[in-house]
PDB file of N, CA and C in Angstrom:
ATOM      1  N   MET A   1     -99.240  58.283-125.297  1.00  0.00           N
ATOM      2  CA  MET A   1     -97.750  58.121-124.876  1.00  0.00           C
ATOM      3  C   MET A   1     -97.051  58.030-126.186  1.00  0.00           C
ATOM      4  N   ALA A   2     -95.998  58.729-126.395  1.00  0.00           N
ATOM      5  CA  ALA A   2     -94.868  58.788-127.674  1.00  0.00           C
ATOM      6  C   ALA A   2     -94.566  57.490-127.908  1.00  0.00           C
ATOM      7  N   THR A   3     -94.443  57.242-128.954  1.00  0.00           N
ATOM      8  CA  THR A   3     -93.851  55.976-129.522  1.00  0.00           C
ATOM      9  C   THR A   3     -92.494  56.435-129.930  1.00  0.00           C
ATOM     10  N   VAL A   4     -91.777  55.199-130.283  1.00  0.00           N
ATOM     11  CA  VAL A   4     -89.870  55.412-130.921  1.00  0.00           C
ATOM     12  C   VAL A   4     -90.104  56.581-131.888  1.00  0.00           C
ATOM     13  N   ALA A   5     -90.816  56.657-132.812  1.00  0.00           N
ATOM     14  CA  ALA A   5     -90.826  57.120-134.042  1.00  0.00           C
ATOM     15  C   ALA A   5     -91.148  58.377-133.821  1.00  0.00           C
ATOM     16  N   THR A   6     -92.072  58.692-132.480  1.00  0.00           N
ATOM     17  CA  THR A   6     -92.029  60.323-132.308  1.00  0.00           C
ATOM     18  C   THR A   6     -91.055  60.851-131.245  1.00  0.00           C
ATOM     19  N   LEU A   7     -90.200  60.002-130.679  1.00  0.00           N
ATOM     20  CA  LEU A   7     -89.413  60.740-129.829  1.00  0.00           C
ATOM     21  C   LEU A   7     -88.098  61.327-130.793  1.00  0.00           C
ATOM     22  N   PRO A   8     -87.909  62.798-130.360  1.00  0.00           N
ATOM     23  CA  PRO A   8     -86.602  63.795-130.789  1.00  0.00           C
ATOM     24  C   PRO A   8     -85.203  62.813-131.092  1.00  0.00           C
ATOM     25  N   GLN A   9     -84.460  62.967-132.144  1.00  0.00           N
ATOM     26  CA  GLN A   9     -83.339  62.486-132.016  1.00  0.00           C
ATOM     27  C   GLN A   9     -82.239  63.412-131.000  1.00  0.00           C
ATOM     28  N   LEU A  10     -82.165  62.531-129.721  1.00  0.00           N
ATOM     29  CA  LEU A  10     -81.305  63.724-128.954  1.00  0.00           C
ATOM     30  C   LEU A  10     -79.823  63.911-129.333  1.00  0.00           C
ATOM     31  N   LEU A  11     -78.932  64.638-128.879  1.00  0.00           N
ATOM     32  CA  LEU A  11     -77.725  64.992-129.475  1.00  0.00           C
ATOM     33  C   LEU A  11     -76.606  64.701-127.981  1.00  0.00           C
ATOM     34  N   THR A  12     -75.658  64.097-128.523  1.00  0.00           N
ATOM     35  CA  THR A  12     -74.560  63.878-127.326  1.00  0.00           C
ATOM     36  C   THR A  12     -73.922  65.454-127.204  1.00  0.00           C
ATOM     37  N   ILE A  13     -72.827  65.643-126.170  1.00  0.00           N
ATOM     38  CA  ILE A  13     -72.137  66.551-125.909  1.00  0.00           C
ATOM     39  C   ILE A  13     -71.540  66.762-127.277  1.00  0.00           C
ATOM     40  N   GLN A  14     -70.681  65.796-127.749  1.00  0.00           N
ATOM     41  CA  GLN A  14     -70.097  65.930-128.895  1.00  0.00           C
ATOM     42  C   GLN A  14     -70.498  66.325-130.219  1.00  0.00           C
ATOM     43  N   GLN A  15     -71.974  66.123-130.545  1.00  0.00           N
ATOM     44  CA  GLN A  15     -72.769  66.301-131.377  1.00  0.00           C
ATOM     45  C   GLN A  15     -73.026  67.944-131.407  1.00  0.00           C
ATOM     46  N   LEU A  16     -73.492  68.144-130.330  1.00  0.00           N
ATOM     47  CA  LEU A  16     -73.699  69.532-130.130  1.00  0.00           C
ATOM     48  C   LEU A  16     -72.541  70.475-130.433  1.00  0.00           C
ATOM     49  N   ALA A  17     -71.270  70.452-129.735  1.00  0.00           N
ATOM     50  CA  ALA A  17     -70.174  70.773-129.931  1.00  0.00           C
ATOM     51  C   ALA A  17     -70.040  70.965-131.466  1.00  0.00           C
ATOM     52  N   ASP A  18     -69.964  69.725-132.324  1.00  0.00           N
ATOM     53  CA  ASP A  18     -69.852  69.742-133.560  1.00  0.00           C
ATOM     54  C   ASP A  18     -70.452  70.900-134.461  1.00  0.00           C
ATOM     55  N   ARG A  19     -71.739  70.994-133.756  1.00  0.00           N
ATOM     56  CA  ARG A  19     -72.919  71.932-134.608  1.00  0.00           C
ATOM     57  C   ARG A  19     -72.783  73.103-134.509  1.00  0.00           C
ATOM     58  N   LEU A  20     -72.444  73.433-133.044  1.00  0.00           N
ATOM     59  CA  LEU A  20     -71.962  75.037-132.581  1.00  0.00           C
ATOM     60  C   LEU A  20     -70.735  75.135-133.090  1.00  0.00           C
ATOM     61  N   ASN A  21     -69.849  74.386-133.130  1.00  0.00           N
ATOM     62  CA  ASN A  21     -68.425  74.914-133.648  1.00  0.00           C
ATOM     63  C   ASN A  21     -67.398  75.502-132.413  1.00  0.00           C
ATOM     64  N   VAL A  22     -67.804  74.610-131.267  1.00  0.00           N
ATOM     65  CA  VAL A  22     -67.184  74.801-130.081  1.00  0.00           C
ATOM     66  C   VAL A  22     -66.556  73.587-129.687  1.00  0.00           C
ATOM     67  N   ASN A  23     -65.540  73.723-128.698  1.00  0.00           N
ATOM     68  CA  ASN A  23     -65.258  72.423-127.951  1.00  0.00           C
ATOM     69  C   ASN A  23     -66.133  71.767-127.081  1.00  0.00           C
ATOM     70  N   THR A  24     -66.068  70.300-126.673  1.00  0.00           N
ATOM     71  CA  THR A  24     -66.965  69.908-125.675  1.00  0.00           C
ATOM     72  C   THR A  24     -66.710  70.330-124.125  1.00  0.00           C
ATOM     73  N   ARG A  25     -65.424  70.812-124.191  1.00  0.00           N
ATOM     74  CA  ARG A  25     -65.375  71.720-122.546  1.00  0.00           C
ATOM     75  C   ARG A  25     -66.358  72.841-122.627  1.00  0.00           C
ATOM     76  N   HIS A  26     -66.433  73.740-123.533  1.00  0.00           N
ATOM     77  CA  HIS A  26     -67.604  74.571-123.404  1.00  0.00           C
ATOM     78  C   HIS A  26     -68.683  74.180-123.148  1.00  0.00           C
ATOM     79  N   ILE A  27     -69.293  73.156-123.824  1.00  0.00           N
ATOM     80  CA  ILE A  27     -70.752  72.626-123.804  1.00  0.00           C
ATOM     81  C   ILE A  27     -70.723  72.094-122.095  1.00  0.00           C
ATOM     82  N   ARG A  28     -69.724  71.552-121.728  1.00  0.00           N
ATOM     83  CA  ARG A  28     -70.045  70.887-120.423  1.00  0.00           C
ATOM     84  C   ARG A  28     -69.880  72.313-119.265  1.00  0.00           C
ATOM     85  N   ARG A  29     -69.232  73.148-119.860  1.00  0.00           N
ATOM     86  CA  ARG A  29     -69.413  74.398-118.699  1.00  0.00           C
ATOM     87  C   ARG A  29     -70.942  74.801-118.703  1.00  0.00           C
ATOM     88  N   LEU A  30     -71.422  75.226-119.986  1.00  0.00           N
ATOM     89  CA  LEU A  30     -72.775  75.675-120.219  1.00  0.00           C
ATOM     90  C   LEU A  30     -73.574  74.880-119.465  1.00  0.00           C
ATOM     91  N   VAL A  31     -73.566  73.405-119.396  1.00  0.00           N
ATOM     92  CA  VAL A  31     -74.526  72.562-118.776  1.00  0.00           C
ATOM     93  C   VAL A  31     -74.165  72.631-117.239  1.00  0.00           C
ATOM     94  N   ALA A  32     -73.120  72.545-116.869  1.00  0.00           N
ATOM     95  CA  ALA A  32     -72.642  73.004-115.424  1.00  0.00           C
ATOM     96  C   ALA A  32     -73.290  74.373-114.741  1.00  0.00           C
ATOM     97  N   GLU A  33     -73.033  75.413-115.661  1.00  0.00           N
ATOM     98  CA  GLU A  33     -73.582  76.525-115.375  1.00  0.00           C
ATOM     99  C   GLU A  33     -75.158  76.627-115.338  1.00  0.00           C
ATOM    100  N   ARG A  34     -75.786  75.468-115.972  1.00  0.00           N
ATOM    101  CA  ARG A  34     -77.320  75.576-116.526  1.00  0.00           C
ATOM    102  C   ARG A  34     -77.975  76.571-117.390  1.00  0.00           C
ATOM    103  N   ARG A  35     -76.849  76.962-118.551  1.00  0.00           N
ATOM    104  CA  ARG A  35     -77.244  77.638-119.119  1.00  0.00           C
ATOM    105  C   ARG A  35     -77.622  77.539-120.439  1.00  0.00           C
ATOM    106  N   VAL A  36     -77.544  75.995-120.724  1.00  0.00           N
ATOM    107  CA  VAL A  36     -78.239  75.319-122.114  1.00  0.00           C
ATOM    108  C   VAL A  36     -79.361  74.622-121.522  1.00  0.00           C
ATOM    109  N   PRO A  37     -80.781  74.075-122.369  1.00  0.00           N
ATOM    110  CA  PRO A  37     -81.386  73.361-121.738  1.00  0.00           C
ATOM    111  C   PRO A  37     -80.695  71.966-122.283  1.00  0.00           C
ATOM    112  N   PHE A  38     -80.898  70.794-121.250  1.00  0.00           N
ATOM    113  CA  PHE A  38     -80.319  69.479-121.452  1.00  0.00           C
ATOM    114  C   PHE A  38     -81.130  68.365-120.762  1.00  0.00           C
ATOM    115  N   LEU A  39     -81.134  67.284-121.154  1.00  0.00           N
ATOM    116  CA  LEU A  39     -81.575  66.088-120.111  1.00  0.00           C
ATOM    117  C   LEU A  39     -80.697  65.333-119.794  1.00  0.00           C
ATOM    118  N   LYS A  40     -81.324  64.912-118.609  1.00  0.00           N
ATOM    119  CA  LYS A  40     -80.419  63.555-118.074  1.00  0.00           C
ATOM    120  C   LYS A  40     -81.064  62.466-118.342  1.00  0.00           C
ATOM    121  N   VAL A  41     -80.308  61.435-119.175  1.00  0.00           N
ATOM    122  CA  VAL A  41     -80.835  60.236-119.446  1.00  0.00           C
ATOM    123  C   VAL A  41     -79.814  59.209-118.340  1.00  0.00           C
ATOM    124  N   GLY A  42     -80.069  58.774-117.394  1.00  0.00           N
ATOM    125  CA  GLY A  42     -79.457  58.152-116.331  1.00  0.00           C
ATOM    126  C   GLY A  42     -78.376  59.298-116.082  1.00  0.00           C
ATOM    127  N   HIS A  43     -77.064  58.778-116.667  1.00  0.00           N
ATOM    128  CA  HIS A  43     -76.003  59.594-115.950  1.00  0.00           C
ATOM    129  C   HIS A  43     -75.240  60.350-117.460  1.00  0.00           C
ATOM    130  N   PHE A  44     -76.183  60.299-118.170  1.00  0.00           N
ATOM    131  CA  PHE A  44     -75.666  60.702-119.815  1.00  0.00           C
ATOM    132  C   PHE A  44     -76.572  62.022-119.847  1.00  0.00           C
ATOM    133  N   VAL A  45     -75.765  63.007-120.422  1.00  0.00           N
ATOM    134  CA  VAL A  45     -76.266  64.470-120.515  1.00  0.00           C
ATOM    135  C   VAL A  45     -76.870  64.612-122.352  1.00  0.00           C
ATOM    136  N   ARG A  46     -77.640  64.643-122.407  1.00  0.00           N
ATOM    137  CA  ARG A  46     -78.421  64.773-123.824  1.00  0.00           C
ATOM    138  C   ARG A  46     -79.066  66.151-124.192  1.00  0.00           C
ATOM    139  N   PHE A  47     -79.225  66.665-125.573  1.00  0.00           N
ATOM    140  CA  PHE A  47     -79.444  67.798-125.984  1.00  0.00           C
ATOM    141  C   PHE A  47     -80.837  67.640-126.759  1.00  0.00           C
ATOM    142  N   ASP A  48     -81.775  68.036-126.712  1.00  0.00           N
ATOM    143  CA  ASP A  48     -82.972  67.955-127.479  1.00  0.00           C
ATOM    144  C   ASP A  48     -82.900  69.251-128.920  1.00  0.00           C
ATOM    145  N   PRO A  49     -82.726  68.879-130.083  1.00  0.00           N
ATOM    146  CA  PRO A  49     -82.548  69.593-130.864  1.00  0.00           C
ATOM    147  C   PRO A  49     -83.465  71.026-130.971  1.00  0.00           C
ATOM    148  N   THR A  50     -84.776  70.560-130.914  1.00  0.00           N
ATOM    149  CA  THR A  50     -85.657  71.700-131.070  1.00  0.00           C
ATOM    150  C   THR A  50     -85.420  72.596-129.756  1.00  0.00           C
ATOM    151  N   GLU A  51     -85.214  72.194-128.694  1.00  0.00           N
ATOM    152  CA  GLU A  51     -84.917  73.265-127.480  1.00  0.00           C
ATOM    153  C   GLU A  51     -83.476  73.934-127.888  1.00  0.00           C
ATOM    154  N   ILE A  52     -82.657  73.455-128.288  1.00  0.00           N
ATOM    155  CA  ILE A  52     -81.256  74.238-128.493  1.00  0.00           C
ATOM    156  C   ILE A  52     -81.747  75.104-129.865  1.00  0.00           C
ATOM    157  N   THR A  53     -82.568  74.929-130.590  1.00  0.00           N
ATOM    158  CA  THR A  53     -82.857  75.924-131.722  1.00  0.00           C
ATOM    159  C   THR A  53     -83.373  77.086-130.905  1.00  0.00           C
ATOM    160  N   ASP A  54     -84.774  76.835-129.965  1.00  0.00           N
ATOM    161  CA  ASP A  54     -85.147  77.699-129.362  1.00  0.00           C
ATOM    162  C   ASP A  54     -84.514  78.742-128.482  1.00  0.00           C
ATOM    163  N   TRP A  55     -83.422  77.866-127.800  1.00  0.00           N
ATOM    164  CA  TRP A  55     -82.279  78.739-126.784  1.00  0.00           C
ATOM    165  C   TRP A  55     -81.487  79.412-127.701  1.00  0.00           C
ATOM    166  N   LEU A  56     -80.926  79.006-128.906  1.00  0.00           N
ATOM    167  CA  LEU A  56     -80.270  79.862-129.831  1.00  0.00           C
ATOM    168  C   LEU A  56     -81.024  81.290-130.109  1.00  0.00           C
ATOM    169  N   SER A  57     -82.214  81.038-130.437  1.00  0.00           N
ATOM    170  CA  SER A  57     -83.125  82.256-131.032  1.00  0.00           C
ATOM    171  C   SER A  57     -83.038  83.149-129.900  1.00  0.00           C
ATOM    172  N   ARG A  58     -83.700  82.839-128.543  1.00  0.00           N
ATOM    173  CA  ARG A  58     -83.809  83.712-127.484  1.00  0.00           C
ATOM    174  C   ARG A  58     -82.442  84.429-126.962  1.00  0.00           C
ATOM    175  N   ASN A  59     -81.271  83.571-127.228  1.00  0.00           N
ATOM    176  CA  ASN A  59     -80.142  84.280-126.757  1.00  0.00           C
ATOM    177  C   ASN A  59     -79.504  85.096-128.232  1.00  0.00           C
ATOM    178  N   ARG A  60     -80.271  85.287-129.497  1.00  0.00           N
ATOM    179  CA  ARG A  60     -79.502  86.127-130.419  1.00  0.00           C
ATOM    180  C   ARG A  60     -79.463  87.454-130.019  1.00  0.00           C
ATOM    181  N   VAL A  61     -78.247  88.060-130.149  1.00  0.00           N
ATOM    182  CA  VAL A  61     -77.629  89.366-130.057  1.00  0.00           C
ATOM    183  C   VAL A  61     -78.255  90.482-131.502  1.00  0.00           C
ATOM    184  N   ALA A  62     -79.061  91.271-131.335  1.00  0.00           N
ATOM    185  CA  ALA A  62     -79.440  92.105-132.448  1.00  0.00           C
ATOM    186  C   ALA A  62     -78.313  92.809-132.737  1.00  0.00           C
ATOM    187  N   PRO A  63     -77.888  93.229-134.165  1.00  0.00           N
ATOM    188  CA  PRO A  63     -76.796  94.066-134.556  1.00  0.00           C
ATOM    189  C   PRO A  63     -77.279  95.583-134.081  1.00  0.00           C
ATOM    190  N   LEU A  64     -76.071  96.472-134.085  1.00  0.00           N
ATOM    191  CA  LEU A  64     -76.477  97.912-133.772  1.00  0.00           C
ATOM    192  C   LEU A  64     -76.810  98.453-134.953  1.00  0.00           C
ATOM    193  N   ARG A  65     -77.891  99.028-134.995  1.00  0.00           N
ATOM    194  CA  ARG A  65     -78.205 100.144-136.046  1.00  0.00           C
ATOM    195  C   ARG A  65     -77.223 101.183-136.598  1.00  0.00           C
ATOM    196  N   ALA A  66     -76.813 101.606-137.695  1.00  0.00           N
ATOM    197  CA  ALA A  66     -75.900 102.325-138.108  1.00  0.00           C
ATOM    198  C   ALA A  66     -76.688 103.668-138.114  1.00  0.00           C
ATOM    199  N   GLN A  67     -75.882 104.803-137.560  1.00  0.00           N
ATOM    200  CA  GLN A  67     -76.662 106.121-137.441  1.00  0.00           C
ATOM    201  C   GLN A  67     -76.109 107.127-138.577  1.00  0.00           C
TER     202      GLN A  67
END
């Protein structure tokens, strides 16, 4: 069983929006469309920073190579 010390520090919608430099409305839309990994804690939406990092990596678009 996980202890409090091993639990991830979950992010709020506002905190994630600040880190991604977008507005909260955009984050709420991503949640509504289930395009971003999130957790429900009661009626609160929270984000695991590790899952967000993985999600960002999976959605990275590689630049086109110059010919």
